[in-house]
């Protein structure tokens, strides 16, 4: 992942190729292909691997804080040069390209799965409403991040991550 992150930082998504990954890691391309279908998948995984992983099973720690930390990690990943490069390409990508599939799998779905674990923990702990629609809750939390990322009308920053989390959780809190 380090080599892919370095390539992303140096030259954006186009710089991440199987040839460059093999050269930087010192392993053959067949070895890389055993784990990854293409360079785009490696790049997307590297982008999201760079975000701070929130421990999902920490009893006693505030689930609201963990959700905010997760949203902040996604924001941080896309506020980087590599993240902005990916966003630019995604805005123009056909939904069925390898790039779009890699983005959906390694970024969108991975982030939703991690966040789903946190939302379910919040429901189990009685912090979030039991009648909350989980998929809609995930959309409320992540949708604004990806909207701002793709439209580019305002910055992705810590204040934004905190605001998104607060606004969404205000509507999801148990009464």
Protein backbone atom coordinates (compact mmCIF):
# COMPACT_ATOMS: atom_id res chain seq x y z
CA UNK A 1 0.00 0.00 0.00
CA UNK A 2 2.89 2.37 0.74
CA UNK A 3 4.10 2.25 -2.88
CA UNK A 4 0.59 2.91 -4.21
CA UNK A 5 0.09 5.83 -1.78
CA UNK A 6 3.43 7.31 -2.82
CA UNK A 7 2.51 7.04 -6.50
CA UNK A 8 -0.88 8.64 -5.83
CA UNK A 9 0.77 11.51 -3.99
CA UNK A 10 3.42 12.01 -6.67
CA UNK A 11 1.34 11.82 -9.81
CA UNK A 12 -2.30 11.12 -9.09
CA UNK A 13 -4.29 8.10 -10.18
CA UNK A 14 -2.61 7.84 -13.59
CA UNK A 15 0.76 7.25 -11.92
CA UNK A 16 -0.43 4.03 -10.29
CA UNK A 17 0.35 1.28 -12.80
CA UNK A 18 1.16 -2.37 -12.30
CA UNK A 19 4.62 -1.76 -13.79
CA UNK A 20 5.35 1.05 -11.32
CA UNK A 21 3.95 -0.93 -8.39
CA UNK A 22 6.13 -3.91 -9.31
CA UNK A 23 9.21 -1.70 -9.67
CA UNK A 24 8.65 0.06 -6.34
CA UNK A 25 7.81 -3.03 -4.33
CA UNK A 26 10.35 -5.35 -5.92
CA UNK A 27 7.77 -8.04 -6.62
CA UNK A 28 6.57 -9.32 -9.96
CA UNK A 29 3.32 -8.19 -11.55
CA UNK A 30 1.83 -11.71 -11.27
CA UNK A 31 2.21 -11.45 -7.49
CA UNK A 32 0.32 -8.15 -7.47
CA UNK A 33 -2.38 -9.53 -9.78
CA UNK A 34 -2.97 -12.42 -7.37
CA UNK A 35 -4.26 -9.89 -4.84
CA UNK A 36 -5.64 -7.13 -7.06
CA UNK A 37 -7.55 -7.23 -10.37
CA UNK A 38 -6.04 -3.97 -11.66
CA UNK A 39 -4.05 -0.88 -10.74
CA UNK A 40 -7.21 1.16 -10.07
CA UNK A 41 -8.27 -1.27 -7.35
CA UNK A 42 -4.84 -0.98 -5.71
CA UNK A 43 -5.02 2.83 -5.91
CA UNK A 44 -8.50 3.01 -4.36
CA UNK A 45 -7.53 0.63 -1.57
CA UNK A 46 -4.39 2.68 -0.91
CA UNK A 47 -6.41 5.89 -0.76
CA UNK A 48 -8.78 4.47 1.82
CA UNK A 49 -6.04 2.60 3.68
CA UNK A 50 -4.50 5.99 4.39
CA UNK A 51 -7.48 6.98 6.51
CA UNK A 52 -7.29 6.34 10.22
CA UNK A 53 -9.07 3.14 11.06
CA UNK A 54 -11.62 3.58 13.82
CA UNK A 55 -11.73 0.71 16.29
CA UNK A 56 -15.27 -0.55 15.96
CA UNK A 57 -15.45 -2.66 19.11
CA UNK A 58 -14.43 -0.31 21.90
CA UNK A 59 -17.08 -0.63 24.61
CA UNK A 60 -17.47 2.46 26.73
CA UNK A 61 -16.21 4.86 24.07
CA UNK A 62 -18.68 7.32 22.60
CA UNK A 63 -20.24 5.95 19.43
CA UNK A 64 -20.93 9.53 18.31
CA UNK A 65 -17.22 10.30 18.60
CA UNK A 66 -16.33 7.15 16.65
CA UNK A 67 -18.79 8.09 13.89
CA UNK A 68 -17.32 11.59 13.75
CA UNK A 69 -13.80 10.14 13.59
CA UNK A 70 -14.86 7.89 10.72
CA UNK A 71 -16.41 10.76 8.76
CA UNK A 72 -13.30 12.86 9.45
CA UNK A 73 -11.08 10.04 8.14
CA UNK A 74 -13.07 9.91 4.88
CA UNK A 75 -12.89 13.71 4.57
CA UNK A 76 -9.13 13.62 5.21
CA UNK A 77 -8.62 10.95 2.55
CA UNK A 78 -10.34 13.10 -0.07
CA UNK A 79 -8.86 16.41 1.03
CA UNK A 80 -5.46 15.08 -0.06
CA UNK A 81 -4.00 15.63 -3.54
CA UNK A 82 -4.61 11.98 -4.35
CA UNK A 83 -8.21 12.20 -3.14
CA UNK A 84 -8.93 15.26 -5.25
CA UNK A 85 -7.39 13.51 -8.26
CA UNK A 86 -9.66 10.51 -7.75
CA UNK A 87 -12.70 12.78 -7.34
CA UNK A 88 -11.96 14.55 -10.61
CA UNK A 89 -11.72 11.25 -12.47
CA UNK A 90 -14.83 9.85 -10.78
CA UNK A 91 -16.90 12.87 -11.79
CA UNK A 92 -16.28 11.98 -15.44
CA UNK A 93 -16.22 8.18 -15.17
CA UNK A 94 -18.78 5.81 -16.64
CA UNK A 95 -20.34 3.76 -13.83
CA UNK A 96 -19.24 0.47 -15.39
CA UNK A 97 -15.53 1.23 -15.85
CA UNK A 98 -12.94 -0.59 -13.78
CA UNK A 99 -12.17 2.71 -12.07
CA UNK A 100 -15.79 3.24 -11.03
CA UNK A 101 -16.09 -0.36 -9.84
CA UNK A 102 -12.89 -0.02 -7.80
CA UNK A 103 -14.14 3.26 -6.30
CA UNK A 104 -17.49 1.72 -5.40
CA UNK A 105 -15.92 -1.40 -3.84
CA UNK A 106 -12.86 0.01 -2.06
CA UNK A 107 -14.19 3.42 -1.11
CA UNK A 108 -17.99 3.62 -0.97
CA UNK A 109 -18.88 0.09 0.16
CA UNK A 110 -15.93 -0.26 2.55
CA UNK A 111 -16.76 3.03 4.21
CA UNK A 112 -20.45 2.14 4.44
CA UNK A 113 -19.63 -1.24 6.02
CA UNK A 114 -17.42 0.35 8.66
CA UNK A 115 -19.99 3.04 9.39
CA UNK A 116 -22.82 0.48 9.48
CA UNK A 117 -20.98 -1.31 12.31
CA UNK A 118 -20.83 1.95 14.26
CA UNK A 119 -24.49 2.84 13.66
CA UNK A 120 -25.59 -0.65 14.73
CA UNK A 121 -23.44 -0.29 17.85
CA UNK A 122 -25.19 3.01 18.57
CA UNK A 123 -28.59 1.36 18.23
CA UNK A 124 -27.55 -1.57 20.45
CA UNK A 125 -26.27 0.88 23.10
CA UNK A 126 -29.55 2.83 23.00
CA UNK A 127 -27.83 5.99 21.77
CA UNK A 128 -29.47 5.90 18.32
CA UNK A 129 -33.12 5.25 17.51
CA UNK A 130 -34.11 1.62 17.11
CA UNK A 131 -36.48 2.50 14.26
CA UNK A 132 -33.75 4.21 12.22
CA UNK A 133 -33.42 2.97 8.66
CA UNK A 134 -29.76 1.91 8.56
CA UNK A 135 -29.19 2.49 4.84
CA UNK A 136 -30.74 5.96 5.02
CA UNK A 137 -28.63 6.75 8.09
CA UNK A 138 -25.49 5.81 6.13
CA UNK A 139 -26.63 8.03 3.26
CA UNK A 140 -27.21 10.93 5.67
CA UNK A 141 -23.70 10.58 7.07
CA UNK A 142 -21.69 9.88 3.91
CA UNK A 143 -23.81 11.51 1.20
CA UNK A 144 -22.81 15.09 2.02
CA UNK A 145 -19.11 14.14 1.92
CA UNK A 146 -19.34 12.62 -1.55
CA UNK A 147 -21.62 15.40 -2.78
CA UNK A 148 -19.15 18.07 -1.68
CA UNK A 149 -16.28 16.02 -3.07
CA UNK A 150 -17.81 15.63 -6.53
CA UNK A 151 -19.44 19.06 -6.84
CA UNK A 152 -16.52 20.92 -5.30
CA UNK A 153 -18.59 23.92 -4.22
CA UNK A 154 -16.99 24.09 -0.75
CA UNK A 155 -14.03 22.65 1.10
CA UNK A 156 -13.75 19.34 2.86
CA UNK A 157 -12.42 20.16 6.31
CA UNK A 158 -12.70 19.27 9.97
CA UNK A 159 -15.54 21.70 10.58
CA UNK A 160 -17.53 20.13 7.76
CA UNK A 161 -17.01 16.60 9.10
CA UNK A 162 -18.12 17.71 12.57
CA UNK A 163 -21.18 19.50 11.19
CA UNK A 164 -22.29 16.55 9.03
CA UNK A 165 -21.95 14.19 11.96
CA UNK A 166 -23.82 16.46 14.38
CA UNK A 167 -26.66 17.20 11.97
CA UNK A 168 -27.18 13.54 11.06
CA UNK A 169 -26.88 12.25 14.63
CA UNK A 170 -29.31 14.90 15.91
CA UNK A 171 -31.94 13.24 13.74
CA UNK A 172 -30.90 9.70 14.64
CA UNK A 173 -30.58 10.02 18.42
CA UNK A 174 -32.83 8.00 20.66
CA UNK A 175 -35.41 10.17 22.41
